[in-house]
N, C-alpha and C. Protein backbone atom coordinates (compact mmCIF):
# COMPACT_ATOMS: atom_id res chain seq x y z
N UNK A 1 -46.37 -7.30 18.64
CA UNK A 1 -46.80 -6.02 18.17
C UNK A 1 -47.41 -6.21 16.79
N UNK A 2 -48.63 -5.75 16.62
CA UNK A 2 -49.30 -5.86 15.33
C UNK A 2 -49.18 -4.52 14.61
N UNK A 3 -48.67 -4.58 13.40
CA UNK A 3 -48.53 -3.39 12.57
C UNK A 3 -49.31 -3.63 11.29
N UNK A 4 -50.22 -2.73 10.98
CA UNK A 4 -51.04 -2.90 9.79
C UNK A 4 -51.47 -1.53 9.29
N UNK A 5 -51.92 -1.49 8.08
CA UNK A 5 -52.41 -0.27 7.46
C UNK A 5 -53.92 -0.35 7.29
N UNK A 6 -54.53 0.77 7.03
CA UNK A 6 -55.95 0.82 6.71
C UNK A 6 -56.19 0.11 5.38
N UNK A 7 -57.41 -0.29 5.17
CA UNK A 7 -57.76 -1.03 3.94
C UNK A 7 -57.42 -0.23 2.68
N UNK A 8 -57.57 1.10 2.71
CA UNK A 8 -57.29 1.91 1.52
C UNK A 8 -55.82 1.86 1.12
N UNK A 9 -54.93 1.41 2.04
CA UNK A 9 -53.51 1.27 1.72
C UNK A 9 -53.10 -0.20 1.61
N UNK A 10 -54.08 -1.08 1.48
CA UNK A 10 -53.81 -2.50 1.27
C UNK A 10 -53.75 -3.34 2.52
N UNK A 11 -54.06 -2.76 3.67
CA UNK A 11 -54.02 -3.51 4.92
C UNK A 11 -55.40 -3.96 5.36
N UNK A 12 -55.47 -4.43 6.60
CA UNK A 12 -56.73 -4.92 7.17
C UNK A 12 -57.13 -4.10 8.40
N UNK A 13 -56.35 -3.07 8.72
CA UNK A 13 -56.59 -2.21 9.88
C UNK A 13 -56.67 -3.03 11.17
N UNK A 14 -55.79 -4.04 11.25
CA UNK A 14 -55.77 -4.94 12.40
C UNK A 14 -54.90 -4.42 13.54
N UNK A 15 -54.20 -3.32 13.32
CA UNK A 15 -53.35 -2.76 14.36
C UNK A 15 -52.91 -1.38 13.96
N UNK A 16 -52.12 -0.78 14.82
CA UNK A 16 -51.61 0.56 14.52
C UNK A 16 -50.73 0.51 13.28
N UNK A 17 -50.76 1.60 12.52
CA UNK A 17 -49.92 1.64 11.32
C UNK A 17 -48.50 2.08 11.71
N UNK A 18 -47.54 1.98 10.80
CA UNK A 18 -46.16 2.33 11.14
C UNK A 18 -46.00 3.76 11.69
N UNK A 19 -46.73 4.71 11.14
CA UNK A 19 -46.61 6.09 11.63
C UNK A 19 -47.13 6.19 13.06
N UNK A 20 -48.22 5.52 13.37
CA UNK A 20 -48.76 5.54 14.73
C UNK A 20 -47.76 4.93 15.71
N UNK A 21 -47.10 3.86 15.32
CA UNK A 21 -46.06 3.27 16.17
C UNK A 21 -44.90 4.24 16.36
N UNK A 22 -44.51 4.92 15.30
CA UNK A 22 -43.42 5.89 15.37
C UNK A 22 -43.78 7.01 16.35
N UNK A 23 -45.00 7.52 16.28
CA UNK A 23 -45.43 8.59 17.17
C UNK A 23 -45.48 8.12 18.62
N UNK A 24 -45.91 6.89 18.83
CA UNK A 24 -45.91 6.33 20.18
C UNK A 24 -44.47 6.24 20.71
N UNK A 25 -43.54 5.87 19.83
CA UNK A 25 -42.14 5.81 20.22
C UNK A 25 -41.60 7.18 20.58
N UNK A 26 -41.98 8.22 19.84
CA UNK A 26 -41.56 9.58 20.17
C UNK A 26 -42.09 10.01 21.54
N UNK A 27 -43.34 9.67 21.82
CA UNK A 27 -43.92 10.01 23.11
C UNK A 27 -43.18 9.28 24.23
N UNK A 28 -42.95 7.99 24.05
CA UNK A 28 -42.26 7.21 25.07
C UNK A 28 -40.84 7.73 25.28
N UNK A 29 -40.13 8.00 24.20
CA UNK A 29 -38.77 8.52 24.31
C UNK A 29 -38.76 9.86 25.03
N UNK A 30 -39.74 10.70 24.75
CA UNK A 30 -39.82 12.01 25.41
C UNK A 30 -39.99 11.86 26.91
N UNK A 31 -40.85 10.96 27.32
CA UNK A 31 -41.09 10.76 28.75
C UNK A 31 -39.88 10.15 29.44
N UNK A 32 -39.20 9.23 28.77
CA UNK A 32 -38.00 8.62 29.36
C UNK A 32 -36.90 9.67 29.53
N UNK A 33 -36.66 10.47 28.49
CA UNK A 33 -35.61 11.50 28.58
C UNK A 33 -35.99 12.53 29.64
N UNK A 34 -37.26 12.86 29.78
CA UNK A 34 -37.69 13.79 30.82
C UNK A 34 -37.31 13.25 32.19
N UNK A 35 -37.49 11.96 32.38
CA UNK A 35 -37.07 11.33 33.64
C UNK A 35 -35.55 11.43 33.82
N UNK A 36 -34.82 11.16 32.75
CA UNK A 36 -33.36 11.24 32.82
C UNK A 36 -32.87 12.64 33.15
N UNK A 37 -33.67 13.64 32.78
CA UNK A 37 -33.33 15.03 33.09
C UNK A 37 -33.69 15.39 34.54
N UNK A 38 -34.22 14.44 35.29
CA UNK A 38 -34.54 14.66 36.69
C UNK A 38 -35.95 15.16 36.95
N UNK A 39 -36.78 15.20 35.92
CA UNK A 39 -38.15 15.68 36.08
C UNK A 39 -39.13 14.50 36.18
N UNK A 40 -38.87 13.64 37.16
CA UNK A 40 -39.66 12.42 37.33
C UNK A 40 -41.11 12.74 37.65
N UNK A 41 -41.34 13.69 38.54
CA UNK A 41 -42.72 14.02 38.92
C UNK A 41 -43.52 14.50 37.72
N UNK A 42 -42.89 15.28 36.86
CA UNK A 42 -43.60 15.76 35.67
C UNK A 42 -43.85 14.59 34.72
N UNK A 43 -42.86 13.75 34.51
CA UNK A 43 -43.03 12.60 33.61
C UNK A 43 -44.14 11.67 34.09
N UNK A 44 -44.27 11.53 35.41
CA UNK A 44 -45.30 10.64 35.96
C UNK A 44 -46.70 11.22 35.89
N UNK A 45 -46.81 12.55 35.87
CA UNK A 45 -48.15 13.15 35.91
C UNK A 45 -48.58 13.80 34.59
N UNK A 46 -47.65 14.02 33.68
CA UNK A 46 -47.97 14.70 32.44
C UNK A 46 -48.66 13.76 31.45
N UNK A 47 -49.42 14.36 30.57
CA UNK A 47 -49.97 13.66 29.43
C UNK A 47 -49.33 14.26 28.19
N UNK A 48 -48.84 13.42 27.31
CA UNK A 48 -48.23 13.89 26.07
C UNK A 48 -48.98 13.29 24.90
N UNK A 49 -49.50 14.15 24.05
CA UNK A 49 -50.18 13.72 22.83
C UNK A 49 -49.30 14.10 21.66
N UNK A 50 -48.96 13.12 20.83
CA UNK A 50 -48.15 13.37 19.65
C UNK A 50 -49.01 13.07 18.43
N UNK A 51 -49.08 14.03 17.51
CA UNK A 51 -49.86 13.83 16.29
C UNK A 51 -49.05 14.34 15.10
N UNK A 52 -49.37 13.81 13.94
CA UNK A 52 -48.62 14.19 12.74
C UNK A 52 -49.50 14.05 11.52
N UNK A 53 -49.11 14.79 10.49
CA UNK A 53 -49.73 14.66 9.18
C UNK A 53 -48.71 14.08 8.22
N UNK A 54 -49.01 12.96 7.64
CA UNK A 54 -48.11 12.28 6.73
C UNK A 54 -48.34 12.76 5.31
N UNK A 55 -47.28 13.06 4.61
CA UNK A 55 -47.35 13.41 3.20
C UNK A 55 -47.37 12.10 2.41
N UNK A 56 -48.55 11.57 2.19
CA UNK A 56 -48.71 10.28 1.52
C UNK A 56 -48.13 10.32 0.11
N UNK A 57 -48.26 11.45 -0.57
CA UNK A 57 -47.69 11.55 -1.92
C UNK A 57 -46.18 11.34 -1.90
N UNK A 58 -45.51 11.82 -0.87
CA UNK A 58 -44.06 11.60 -0.75
C UNK A 58 -43.77 10.12 -0.56
N UNK A 59 -44.54 9.49 0.31
CA UNK A 59 -44.36 8.06 0.56
C UNK A 59 -44.61 7.26 -0.72
N UNK A 60 -45.58 7.69 -1.53
CA UNK A 60 -45.90 6.99 -2.77
C UNK A 60 -44.95 7.35 -3.91
N UNK A 61 -44.04 8.32 -3.67
CA UNK A 61 -43.04 8.66 -4.67
C UNK A 61 -43.47 9.70 -5.69
N UNK A 62 -44.57 10.41 -5.43
CA UNK A 62 -45.06 11.40 -6.39
C UNK A 62 -44.87 12.84 -5.92
N UNK A 63 -44.15 13.04 -4.82
CA UNK A 63 -43.91 14.38 -4.29
C UNK A 63 -42.53 14.38 -3.66
N UNK A 64 -41.86 15.52 -3.65
CA UNK A 64 -40.53 15.57 -3.06
C UNK A 64 -40.48 16.44 -1.81
N UNK A 65 -41.64 16.75 -1.23
CA UNK A 65 -41.68 17.52 0.01
C UNK A 65 -41.31 16.66 1.21
N UNK A 66 -41.41 17.25 2.38
CA UNK A 66 -41.12 16.53 3.62
C UNK A 66 -42.08 15.36 3.79
N UNK A 67 -41.61 14.28 4.36
CA UNK A 67 -42.45 13.10 4.60
C UNK A 67 -43.54 13.43 5.62
N UNK A 68 -43.17 14.19 6.64
CA UNK A 68 -44.14 14.61 7.66
C UNK A 68 -44.46 16.09 7.40
N UNK A 69 -45.73 16.39 7.11
CA UNK A 69 -46.14 17.77 6.88
C UNK A 69 -46.08 18.57 8.18
N UNK A 70 -46.64 18.02 9.22
CA UNK A 70 -46.70 18.70 10.52
C UNK A 70 -46.62 17.65 11.62
N UNK A 71 -45.92 17.99 12.69
CA UNK A 71 -45.88 17.13 13.86
C UNK A 71 -46.08 18.01 15.08
N UNK A 72 -46.94 17.57 15.97
CA UNK A 72 -47.27 18.33 17.18
C UNK A 72 -47.03 17.47 18.40
N UNK A 73 -46.37 18.05 19.37
CA UNK A 73 -46.22 17.43 20.69
C UNK A 73 -46.93 18.34 21.68
N UNK A 74 -48.02 17.87 22.24
CA UNK A 74 -48.83 18.66 23.16
C UNK A 74 -48.75 18.06 24.56
N UNK A 75 -48.06 18.78 25.43
CA UNK A 75 -47.90 18.37 26.82
C UNK A 75 -49.00 19.01 27.66
N UNK A 76 -49.59 18.23 28.56
CA UNK A 76 -50.56 18.73 29.52
C UNK A 76 -50.02 18.35 30.90
N UNK A 77 -49.73 19.36 31.71
CA UNK A 77 -49.13 19.13 33.02
C UNK A 77 -50.10 19.52 34.13
N UNK A 78 -49.77 19.10 35.34
CA UNK A 78 -50.69 19.22 36.47
C UNK A 78 -50.86 20.64 36.99
N UNK A 79 -49.80 21.46 36.91
CA UNK A 79 -49.88 22.78 37.53
C UNK A 79 -48.88 23.75 36.89
N UNK A 80 -48.96 25.01 37.32
CA UNK A 80 -48.11 26.06 36.74
C UNK A 80 -46.63 25.80 37.00
N UNK A 81 -46.29 25.29 38.16
CA UNK A 81 -44.88 24.99 38.45
C UNK A 81 -44.33 23.96 37.47
N UNK A 82 -45.10 22.91 37.23
CA UNK A 82 -44.66 21.89 36.26
C UNK A 82 -44.53 22.48 34.87
N UNK A 83 -45.43 23.39 34.51
CA UNK A 83 -45.36 24.02 33.18
C UNK A 83 -44.06 24.81 33.03
N UNK A 84 -43.69 25.57 34.04
CA UNK A 84 -42.45 26.35 33.99
C UNK A 84 -41.25 25.43 33.89
N UNK A 85 -41.22 24.39 34.71
CA UNK A 85 -40.08 23.46 34.70
C UNK A 85 -39.99 22.70 33.38
N UNK A 86 -41.14 22.28 32.83
CA UNK A 86 -41.12 21.56 31.57
C UNK A 86 -40.66 22.47 30.43
N UNK A 87 -41.17 23.68 30.38
CA UNK A 87 -40.73 24.61 29.33
C UNK A 87 -39.22 24.83 29.39
N UNK A 88 -38.67 24.90 30.58
CA UNK A 88 -37.22 25.08 30.73
C UNK A 88 -36.47 23.83 30.29
N UNK A 89 -37.09 22.67 30.45
CA UNK A 89 -36.43 21.40 30.11
C UNK A 89 -36.53 21.06 28.63
N UNK A 90 -37.47 21.65 27.89
CA UNK A 90 -37.71 21.25 26.50
C UNK A 90 -36.47 21.32 25.60
N UNK A 91 -35.65 22.37 25.68
CA UNK A 91 -34.45 22.36 24.82
C UNK A 91 -33.50 21.21 25.14
N UNK A 92 -33.37 20.87 26.41
CA UNK A 92 -32.51 19.76 26.82
C UNK A 92 -33.11 18.43 26.38
N UNK A 93 -34.42 18.34 26.48
CA UNK A 93 -35.12 17.13 26.03
C UNK A 93 -34.90 16.94 24.52
N UNK A 94 -35.06 18.01 23.76
CA UNK A 94 -34.91 17.93 22.30
C UNK A 94 -33.49 17.53 21.91
N UNK A 95 -32.51 17.96 22.68
CA UNK A 95 -31.12 17.64 22.32
C UNK A 95 -30.76 16.20 22.61
N UNK A 96 -31.58 15.50 23.41
CA UNK A 96 -31.28 14.12 23.79
C UNK A 96 -32.33 13.10 23.35
N UNK A 97 -33.46 13.56 22.85
CA UNK A 97 -34.58 12.67 22.53
C UNK A 97 -34.30 11.82 21.30
N UNK A 98 -34.35 10.49 21.41
CA UNK A 98 -34.30 9.66 20.21
C UNK A 98 -35.49 10.00 19.32
N UNK A 99 -35.24 10.16 18.05
CA UNK A 99 -36.30 10.51 17.12
C UNK A 99 -36.42 12.00 16.86
N UNK A 100 -35.59 12.81 17.50
CA UNK A 100 -35.68 14.26 17.31
C UNK A 100 -35.46 14.65 15.85
N UNK A 101 -34.63 13.88 15.15
CA UNK A 101 -34.38 14.20 13.73
C UNK A 101 -35.67 14.15 12.92
N UNK A 102 -36.57 13.25 13.27
CA UNK A 102 -37.86 13.18 12.59
C UNK A 102 -38.67 14.46 12.84
N UNK A 103 -38.65 14.93 14.07
CA UNK A 103 -39.36 16.16 14.40
C UNK A 103 -38.76 17.33 13.64
N UNK A 104 -37.43 17.39 13.64
CA UNK A 104 -36.74 18.48 12.97
C UNK A 104 -36.95 18.47 11.45
N UNK A 105 -37.19 17.29 10.88
CA UNK A 105 -37.36 17.18 9.43
C UNK A 105 -38.77 17.49 8.95
N UNK A 106 -39.71 17.60 9.87
CA UNK A 106 -41.09 17.91 9.49
C UNK A 106 -41.17 19.32 8.92
N UNK A 107 -42.10 19.53 8.00
CA UNK A 107 -42.30 20.87 7.45
C UNK A 107 -42.61 21.87 8.55
N UNK A 108 -43.46 21.47 9.49
CA UNK A 108 -43.84 22.31 10.63
C UNK A 108 -43.84 21.42 11.87
N UNK A 109 -43.24 21.90 12.94
CA UNK A 109 -43.30 21.16 14.20
C UNK A 109 -43.58 22.13 15.33
N UNK A 110 -44.38 21.67 16.29
CA UNK A 110 -44.66 22.46 17.49
C UNK A 110 -44.58 21.57 18.70
N UNK A 111 -44.15 22.15 19.79
CA UNK A 111 -44.15 21.47 21.08
C UNK A 111 -44.69 22.47 22.09
N UNK A 112 -45.88 22.21 22.61
CA UNK A 112 -46.57 23.16 23.47
C UNK A 112 -46.84 22.54 24.82
N UNK A 113 -46.90 23.40 25.82
CA UNK A 113 -47.19 22.99 27.20
C UNK A 113 -48.42 23.72 27.67
N UNK A 114 -49.37 22.98 28.23
CA UNK A 114 -50.55 23.60 28.81
C UNK A 114 -50.82 22.94 30.16
N UNK A 115 -51.57 23.64 30.97
CA UNK A 115 -51.91 23.13 32.29
C UNK A 115 -53.27 22.44 32.19
N UNK A 116 -53.30 21.19 32.63
CA UNK A 116 -54.55 20.42 32.58
C UNK A 116 -55.58 21.05 33.49
N UNK A 117 -56.80 21.05 33.03
CA UNK A 117 -57.87 21.64 33.85
C UNK A 117 -58.64 20.59 34.58
């Protein structure tokens, strides 16, 4: 696994940065827990996009706000039935998802479900 930062942060941009790896881990953990909750068909067909805004000033030690300004989990499912089932499963997923504390610590977090077109 290659972990690197952009040149402006002293890296060579040779791989995903630590935050990108963390977000990928949140997505993977979400899909695994969804399977554990018995929603295998949804986990196999859904697309989950996780994005975040990093408070760089906090990381650099010049701000005392949340490290993550905003984190979004955007689920796209195949049909209306999957959307209903996923929305019902989200509280259970959140209670078991590794990394949920990071989501909860963000200044703003959203988890939305939409039907893919």
